PDB file of all heavy atoms in Angstrom:
ATOM      1  N   ASN A   1     145.864 -13.755  63.437  1.00  0.00           N
ATOM      2  CA  ASN A   1     147.008 -12.870  63.575  1.00  0.00           C
ATOM      3  C   ASN A   1     146.521 -11.517  63.771  1.00  0.00           C
ATOM      4  O   ASN A   1     147.032 -10.696  64.608  1.00  0.00           O
ATOM      5  CB  ASN A   1     147.959 -12.946  62.339  1.00  0.00           C
ATOM      6  CG  ASN A   1     148.741 -14.197  62.243  1.00  0.00           C
ATOM      7  OD1 ASN A   1     148.908 -14.791  63.283  1.00  0.00           O
ATOM      8  ND2 ASN A   1     149.180 -14.466  61.078  1.00  0.00           N
ATOM      9  N   VAL A   2     145.483 -11.052  63.037  1.00  0.00           N
ATOM     10  CA  VAL A   2     144.888  -9.747  63.166  1.00  0.00           C
ATOM     11  C   VAL A   2     144.338  -9.516  64.630  1.00  0.00           C
ATOM     12  O   VAL A   2     144.468  -8.535  65.172  1.00  0.00           O
ATOM     13  CB  VAL A   2     143.859  -9.467  62.007  1.00  0.00           C
ATOM     14  CG1 VAL A   2     143.194  -8.108  62.268  1.00  0.00           C
ATOM     15  CG2 VAL A   2     144.475  -9.527  60.706  1.00  0.00           C
ATOM     16  N   GLU A   3     143.541 -10.546  64.994  1.00  0.00           N
ATOM     17  CA  GLU A   3     142.943 -10.489  66.396  1.00  0.00           C
ATOM     18  C   GLU A   3     144.028 -10.337  67.436  1.00  0.00           C
ATOM     19  O   GLU A   3     143.842  -9.619  68.459  1.00  0.00           O
ATOM     20  CB  GLU A   3     142.070 -11.682  66.646  1.00  0.00           C
ATOM     21  CG  GLU A   3     140.853 -11.624  65.813  1.00  0.00           C
ATOM     22  CD  GLU A   3     139.985 -12.874  65.891  1.00  0.00           C
ATOM     23  OE1 GLU A   3     140.407 -13.824  66.516  1.00  0.00           O
ATOM     24  OE2 GLU A   3     138.824 -12.807  65.460  1.00  0.00           O
ATOM     25  N   ASP A   4     145.172 -11.055  67.264  1.00  0.00           N
ATOM     26  CA  ASP A   4     146.247 -10.948  68.215  1.00  0.00           C
ATOM     27  C   ASP A   4     146.867  -9.552  68.220  1.00  0.00           C
ATOM     28  O   ASP A   4     147.146  -8.975  69.308  1.00  0.00           O
ATOM     29  CB  ASP A   4     147.332 -12.050  67.981  1.00  0.00           C
ATOM     30  CG  ASP A   4     146.969 -13.448  68.414  1.00  0.00           C
ATOM     31  OD1 ASP A   4     146.011 -13.533  69.219  1.00  0.00           O
ATOM     32  OD2 ASP A   4     147.605 -14.330  67.930  1.00  0.00           O
ATOM     33  N   VAL A   5     147.101  -8.994  67.092  1.00  0.00           N
ATOM     34  CA  VAL A   5     147.690  -7.703  66.965  1.00  0.00           C
ATOM     35  C   VAL A   5     146.702  -6.691  67.667  1.00  0.00           C
ATOM     36  O   VAL A   5     147.154  -5.787  68.402  1.00  0.00           O
ATOM     37  CB  VAL A   5     147.883  -7.243  65.529  1.00  0.00           C
ATOM     38  CG1 VAL A   5     148.176  -5.771  65.318  1.00  0.00           C
ATOM     39  CG2 VAL A   5     149.020  -8.093  64.959  1.00  0.00           C
ATOM     40  N   MET A   6     145.436  -6.844  67.411  1.00  0.00           N
ATOM     41  CA  MET A   6     144.518  -5.866  68.013  1.00  0.00           C
ATOM     42  C   MET A   6     144.407  -6.037  69.447  1.00  0.00           C
ATOM     43  O   MET A   6     144.328  -5.066  70.194  1.00  0.00           O
ATOM     44  CB  MET A   6     143.163  -6.127  67.381  1.00  0.00           C
ATOM     45  CG  MET A   6     142.967  -5.705  65.919  1.00  0.00           C
ATOM     46  SD  MET A   6     143.555  -4.137  65.583  1.00  0.00           S
ATOM     47  CE  MET A   6     142.508  -3.063  66.591  1.00  0.00           C
ATOM     48  N   LYS A   7     144.561  -7.254  70.043  1.00  0.00           N
ATOM     49  CA  LYS A   7     144.524  -7.551  71.435  1.00  0.00           C
ATOM     50  C   LYS A   7     145.746  -6.934  72.097  1.00  0.00           C
ATOM     51  O   LYS A   7     145.571  -6.148  73.077  1.00  0.00           O
ATOM     52  CB  LYS A   7     144.474  -9.039  71.682  1.00  0.00           C
ATOM     53  CG  LYS A   7     144.473  -9.474  73.116  1.00  0.00           C
ATOM     54  CD  LYS A   7     144.397 -10.984  73.245  1.00  0.00           C
ATOM     55  CE  LYS A   7     144.693 -11.394  74.675  1.00  0.00           C
ATOM     56  NZ  LYS A   7     144.841 -12.848  74.728  1.00  0.00           N
ATOM     57  N   PHE A   8     146.884  -7.109  71.632  1.00  0.00           N
ATOM     58  CA  PHE A   8     148.077  -6.684  72.191  1.00  0.00           C
ATOM     59  C   PHE A   8     148.321  -5.152  71.943  1.00  0.00           C
ATOM     60  O   PHE A   8     149.059  -4.506  72.687  1.00  0.00           O
ATOM     61  CB  PHE A   8     149.297  -7.485  71.891  1.00  0.00           C
ATOM     62  CG  PHE A   8     149.193  -8.959  72.362  1.00  0.00           C
ATOM     63  CD1 PHE A   8     149.022  -9.990  71.444  1.00  0.00           C
ATOM     64  CD2 PHE A   8     149.214  -9.207  73.670  1.00  0.00           C
ATOM     65  CE1 PHE A   8     148.847 -11.281  71.970  1.00  0.00           C
ATOM     66  CE2 PHE A   8     149.084 -10.534  74.164  1.00  0.00           C
ATOM     67  CZ  PHE A   8     148.856 -11.546  73.275  1.00  0.00           C
ATOM     68  N   GLY A   9     147.823  -4.672  70.849  1.00  0.00           N
ATOM     69  CA  GLY A   9     147.995  -3.288  70.480  1.00  0.00           C
ATOM     70  C   GLY A   9     146.897  -2.303  70.956  1.00  0.00           C
ATOM     71  O   GLY A   9     147.005  -1.122  70.772  1.00  0.00           O
ATOM     72  N   SER A  10     145.908  -2.822  71.675  1.00  0.00           N
ATOM     73  CA  SER A  10     144.818  -2.063  72.140  1.00  0.00           C
ATOM     74  C   SER A  10     145.219  -0.883  72.984  1.00  0.00           C
ATOM     75  O   SER A  10     144.761   0.250  72.841  1.00  0.00           O
ATOM     76  CB  SER A  10     143.777  -2.968  72.870  1.00  0.00           C
ATOM     77  OG  SER A  10     142.708  -2.148  73.268  1.00  0.00           O
ATOM     78  N   ALA A  11     146.170  -1.065  73.889  1.00  0.00           N
ATOM     79  CA  ALA A  11     146.671  -0.024  74.717  1.00  0.00           C
ATOM     80  C   ALA A  11     147.324   1.152  73.944  1.00  0.00           C
ATOM     81  O   ALA A  11     147.393   2.329  74.344  1.00  0.00           O
ATOM     82  CB  ALA A  11     147.666  -0.473  75.762  1.00  0.00           C
ATOM     83  N   PHE A  12     147.820   0.833  72.730  1.00  0.00           N
ATOM     84  CA  PHE A  12     148.487   1.782  71.864  1.00  0.00           C
ATOM     85  C   PHE A  12     147.633   2.341  70.806  1.00  0.00           C
ATOM     86  O   PHE A  12     148.052   3.030  69.908  1.00  0.00           O
ATOM     87  CB  PHE A  12     149.721   1.221  71.234  1.00  0.00           C
ATOM     88  CG  PHE A  12     150.631   0.522  72.334  1.00  0.00           C
ATOM     89  CD1 PHE A  12     150.682  -0.790  72.458  1.00  0.00           C
ATOM     90  CD2 PHE A  12     151.440   1.400  73.043  1.00  0.00           C
ATOM     91  CE1 PHE A  12     151.443  -1.317  73.450  1.00  0.00           C
ATOM     92  CE2 PHE A  12     152.248   0.833  74.069  1.00  0.00           C
ATOM     93  CZ  PHE A  12     152.269  -0.518  74.181  1.00  0.00           C
ATOM     94  N   HIS A  13     146.247   1.938  70.822  1.00  0.00           N
ATOM     95  CA  HIS A  13     145.221   2.460  69.835  1.00  0.00           C
ATOM     96  C   HIS A  13     145.606   1.983  68.471  1.00  0.00           C
ATOM     97  O   HIS A  13     145.360   2.710  67.436  1.00  0.00           O
ATOM     98  CB  HIS A  13     145.161   3.986  69.823  1.00  0.00           C
ATOM     99  CG  HIS A  13     144.950   4.514  71.177  1.00  0.00           C
ATOM    100  ND1 HIS A  13     143.986   4.340  71.980  1.00  0.00           N
ATOM    101  CD2 HIS A  13     145.810   5.356  71.920  1.00  0.00           C
ATOM    102  CE1 HIS A  13     144.106   5.017  73.163  1.00  0.00           C
ATOM    103  NE2 HIS A  13     145.245   5.633  73.094  1.00  0.00           N
ATOM    104  N   PHE A  14     146.083   0.748  68.265  1.00  0.00           N
ATOM    105  CA  PHE A  14     146.354   0.155  67.007  1.00  0.00           C
ATOM    106  C   PHE A  14     145.050   0.091  66.127  1.00  0.00           C
ATOM    107  O   PHE A  14     143.983  -0.317  66.621  1.00  0.00           O
ATOM    108  CB  PHE A  14     146.876  -1.253  67.102  1.00  0.00           C
ATOM    109  CG  PHE A  14     148.335  -1.365  67.411  1.00  0.00           C
ATOM    110  CD1 PHE A  14     149.106  -0.277  67.767  1.00  0.00           C
ATOM    111  CD2 PHE A  14     149.027  -2.556  67.133  1.00  0.00           C
ATOM    112  CE1 PHE A  14     150.438  -0.375  68.119  1.00  0.00           C
ATOM    113  CE2 PHE A  14     150.314  -2.720  67.524  1.00  0.00           C
ATOM    114  CZ  PHE A  14     151.082  -1.558  67.885  1.00  0.00           C
ATOM    115  N   GLY A  15     145.119   0.539  64.975  1.00  0.00           N
ATOM    116  CA  GLY A  15     144.057   0.499  64.071  1.00  0.00           C
ATOM    117  C   GLY A  15     144.326  -0.462  62.926  1.00  0.00           C
ATOM    118  O   GLY A  15     145.287  -1.161  62.888  1.00  0.00           O
ATOM    119  N   LEU A  16     143.439  -0.472  61.910  1.00  0.00           N
ATOM    120  CA  LEU A  16     143.613  -1.381  60.832  1.00  0.00           C
ATOM    121  C   LEU A  16     143.319  -0.683  59.515  1.00  0.00           C
ATOM    122  O   LEU A  16     142.580   0.301  59.462  1.00  0.00           O
ATOM    123  CB  LEU A  16     142.713  -2.591  60.932  1.00  0.00           C
ATOM    124  CG  LEU A  16     142.952  -3.550  62.059  1.00  0.00           C
ATOM    125  CD1 LEU A  16     141.794  -4.551  62.222  1.00  0.00           C
ATOM    126  CD2 LEU A  16     144.256  -4.235  61.870  1.00  0.00           C
ATOM    127  N   GLU A  17     143.976  -1.124  58.391  1.00  0.00           N
ATOM    128  CA  GLU A  17     143.715  -0.708  57.087  1.00  0.00           C
ATOM    129  C   GLU A  17     143.064  -1.760  56.291  1.00  0.00           C
ATOM    130  O   GLU A  17     143.483  -2.936  56.427  1.00  0.00           O
ATOM    131  CB  GLU A  17     145.087  -0.186  56.441  1.00  0.00           C
ATOM    132  CG  GLU A  17     144.932   0.263  55.044  1.00  0.00           C
ATOM    133  CD  GLU A  17     145.102  -0.853  54.000  1.00  0.00           C
ATOM    134  OE1 GLU A  17     145.660  -1.880  54.276  1.00  0.00           O
ATOM    135  OE2 GLU A  17     144.619  -0.684  52.820  1.00  0.00           O
ATOM    136  N   ALA A  18     142.026  -1.395  55.534  1.00  0.00           N
ATOM    137  CA  ALA A  18     141.374  -2.478  54.702  1.00  0.00           C
ATOM    138  C   ALA A  18     141.371  -1.922  53.299  1.00  0.00           C
ATOM    139  O   ALA A  18     140.963  -0.775  52.958  1.00  0.00           O
ATOM    140  CB  ALA A  18     139.869  -2.586  55.177  1.00  0.00           C
ATOM    141  N   GLY A  19     141.774  -2.824  52.319  1.00  0.00           N
ATOM    142  CA  GLY A  19     141.877  -2.424  50.930  1.00  0.00           C
ATOM    143  C   GLY A  19     140.869  -3.202  50.141  1.00  0.00           C
ATOM    144  O   GLY A  19     140.675  -2.944  48.947  1.00  0.00           O
ATOM    145  N   SER A  20     140.104  -4.198  50.720  1.00  0.00           N
ATOM    146  CA  SER A  20     139.106  -4.959  50.014  1.00  0.00           C
ATOM    147  C   SER A  20     137.891  -5.117  50.936  1.00  0.00           C
ATOM    148  O   SER A  20     137.999  -4.928  52.168  1.00  0.00           O
ATOM    149  CB  SER A  20     139.657  -6.250  49.604  1.00  0.00           C
ATOM    150  OG  SER A  20     139.934  -7.094  50.688  1.00  0.00           O
ATOM    151  N   LYS A  21     136.854  -5.570  50.362  1.00  0.00           N
ATOM    152  CA  LYS A  21     135.606  -5.752  51.157  1.00  0.00           C
ATOM    153  C   LYS A  21     135.823  -6.858  52.176  1.00  0.00           C
ATOM    154  O   LYS A  21     135.347  -6.764  53.307  1.00  0.00           O
ATOM    155  CB  LYS A  21     134.419  -6.017  50.288  1.00  0.00           C
ATOM    156  CG  LYS A  21     133.942  -4.887  49.551  1.00  0.00           C
ATOM    157  CD  LYS A  21     132.830  -5.180  48.517  1.00  0.00           C
ATOM    158  CE  LYS A  21     132.523  -4.013  47.677  1.00  0.00           C
ATOM    159  NZ  LYS A  21     131.648  -4.379  46.556  1.00  0.00           N
ATOM    160  N   SER A  22     136.510  -7.990  51.871  1.00  0.00           N
ATOM    161  CA  SER A  22     136.741  -9.036  52.808  1.00  0.00           C
ATOM    162  C   SER A  22     137.624  -8.517  53.978  1.00  0.00           C
ATOM    163  O   SER A  22     137.409  -8.816  55.125  1.00  0.00           O
ATOM    164  CB  SER A  22     137.394 -10.198  52.185  1.00  0.00           C
ATOM    165  OG  SER A  22     138.656  -9.973  51.585  1.00  0.00           O
ATOM    166  N   GLU A  23     138.649  -7.722  53.597  1.00  0.00           N
ATOM    167  CA  GLU A  23     139.469  -7.114  54.699  1.00  0.00           C
ATOM    168  C   GLU A  23     138.727  -6.130  55.515  1.00  0.00           C
ATOM    169  O   GLU A  23     138.901  -6.102  56.758  1.00  0.00           O
ATOM    170  CB  GLU A  23     140.705  -6.420  54.073  1.00  0.00           C
ATOM    171  CG  GLU A  23     141.742  -7.341  53.542  1.00  0.00           C
ATOM    172  CD  GLU A  23     142.917  -6.522  52.995  1.00  0.00           C
ATOM    173  OE1 GLU A  23     142.877  -5.313  52.787  1.00  0.00           O
ATOM    174  OE2 GLU A  23     143.879  -7.221  52.537  1.00  0.00           O
ATOM    175  N   LEU A  24     137.804  -5.440  54.866  1.00  0.00           N
ATOM    176  CA  LEU A  24     136.978  -4.452  55.625  1.00  0.00           C
ATOM    177  C   LEU A  24     136.100  -5.172  56.636  1.00  0.00           C
ATOM    178  O   LEU A  24     135.985  -4.720  57.797  1.00  0.00           O
ATOM    179  CB  LEU A  24     136.097  -3.726  54.645  1.00  0.00           C
ATOM    180  CG  LEU A  24     135.022  -2.744  55.094  1.00  0.00           C
ATOM    181  CD1 LEU A  24     135.745  -1.711  56.019  1.00  0.00           C
ATOM    182  CD2 LEU A  24     134.348  -2.145  53.995  1.00  0.00           C
ATOM    183  N   LEU A  25     135.437  -6.341  56.278  1.00  0.00           N
ATOM    184  CA  LEU A  25     134.652  -7.034  57.177  1.00  0.00           C
ATOM    185  C   LEU A  25     135.418  -7.593  58.357  1.00  0.00           C
ATOM    186  O   LEU A  25     134.979  -7.511  59.551  1.00  0.00           O
ATOM    187  CB  LEU A  25     133.853  -8.145  56.456  1.00  0.00           C
ATOM    188  CG  LEU A  25     132.876  -7.693  55.456  1.00  0.00           C
ATOM    189  CD1 LEU A  25     132.293  -8.783  54.632  1.00  0.00           C
ATOM    190  CD2 LEU A  25     131.720  -6.934  56.150  1.00  0.00           C
ATOM    191  N   LEU A  26     136.610  -8.061  58.056  1.00  0.00           N
ATOM    192  CA  LEU A  26     137.486  -8.501  59.161  1.00  0.00           C
ATOM    193  C   LEU A  26     137.874  -7.477  60.090  1.00  0.00           C
ATOM    194  O   LEU A  26     137.876  -7.523  61.305  1.00  0.00           O
ATOM    195  CB  LEU A  26     138.643  -9.219  58.550  1.00  0.00           C
ATOM    196  CG  LEU A  26     139.755  -9.685  59.565  1.00  0.00           C
ATOM    197  CD1 LEU A  26     139.194 -10.759  60.521  1.00  0.00           C
ATOM    198  CD2 LEU A  26     140.924 -10.297  58.767  1.00  0.00           C
ATOM    199  N   ALA A  27     138.243  -6.262  59.539  1.00  0.00           N
ATOM    200  CA  ALA A  27     138.678  -5.156  60.351  1.00  0.00           C
ATOM    201  C   ALA A  27     137.522  -4.663  61.240  1.00  0.00           C
ATOM    202  O   ALA A  27     137.679  -4.370  62.400  1.00  0.00           O
ATOM    203  CB  ALA A  27     139.175  -4.008  59.449  1.00  0.00           C
ATOM    204  N   MET A  28     136.341  -4.650  60.609  1.00  0.00           N
ATOM    205  CA  MET A  28     135.139  -4.158  61.442  1.00  0.00           C
ATOM    206  C   MET A  28     134.923  -5.066  62.680  1.00  0.00           C
ATOM    207  O   MET A  28     134.721  -4.613  63.739  1.00  0.00           O
ATOM    208  CB  MET A  28     133.948  -4.213  60.546  1.00  0.00           C
ATOM    209  CG  MET A  28     133.890  -3.077  59.538  1.00  0.00           C
ATOM    210  SD  MET A  28     132.599  -3.250  58.259  1.00  0.00           S
ATOM    211  CE  MET A  28     131.071  -3.191  59.257  1.00  0.00           C
ATOM    212  N   SER A  29     135.007  -6.329  62.430  1.00  0.00           N
ATOM    213  CA  SER A  29     134.795  -7.390  63.453  1.00  0.00           C
ATOM    214  C   SER A  29     135.900  -7.215  64.531  1.00  0.00           C
ATOM    215  O   SER A  29     135.560  -7.281  65.777  1.00  0.00           O
ATOM    216  CB  SER A  29     134.634  -8.755  63.004  1.00  0.00           C
ATOM    217  OG  SER A  29     135.898  -9.225  62.564  1.00  0.00           O
ATOM    218  N   CYS A  30     137.119  -7.026  64.160  1.00  0.00           N
ATOM    219  CA  CYS A  30     138.202  -6.919  65.157  1.00  0.00           C
ATOM    220  C   CYS A  30     138.137  -5.594  65.886  1.00  0.00           C
ATOM    221  O   CYS A  30     138.416  -5.579  67.059  1.00  0.00           O
ATOM    222  CB  CYS A  30     139.524  -7.080  64.417  1.00  0.00           C
ATOM    223  SG  CYS A  30     139.898  -8.706  63.849  1.00  0.00           S
ATOM    224  N   LEU A  31     137.753  -4.483  65.182  1.00  0.00           N
ATOM    225  CA  LEU A  31     137.781  -3.234  65.891  1.00  0.00           C
ATOM    226  C   LEU A  31     136.561  -3.072  66.799  1.00  0.00           C
ATOM    227  O   LEU A  31     136.655  -2.290  67.718  1.00  0.00           O
ATOM    228  CB  LEU A  31     137.880  -2.096  64.819  1.00  0.00           C
ATOM    229  CG  LEU A  31     139.200  -1.933  64.173  1.00  0.00           C
ATOM    230  CD1 LEU A  31     139.138  -0.855  63.025  1.00  0.00           C
ATOM    231  CD2 LEU A  31     140.239  -1.479  65.207  1.00  0.00           C
ATOM    232  N   CYS A  32     135.562  -3.724  66.552  1.00  0.00           N
ATOM    233  CA  CYS A  32     134.327  -3.633  67.450  1.00  0.00           C
ATOM    234  C   CYS A  32     134.744  -4.169  68.817  1.00  0.00           C
ATOM    235  O   CYS A  32     134.187  -3.782  69.821  1.00  0.00           O
ATOM    236  CB  CYS A  32     133.224  -4.525  66.939  1.00  0.00           C
ATOM    237  SG  CYS A  32     132.364  -3.618  65.583  1.00  0.00           S
TER     238      CYS A  32
END
C-alpha cells in the first residue's frame, strides 16, 4: 500500500512519516 501511494503520489511530492524504526526503514526504501 505504501509503495502504491508513493508511485501514484510522486507527481505531487508525497512524502512519508515514520514513527518507529521499522516504519523508518520502509519509508527509506520507498522514498529512494
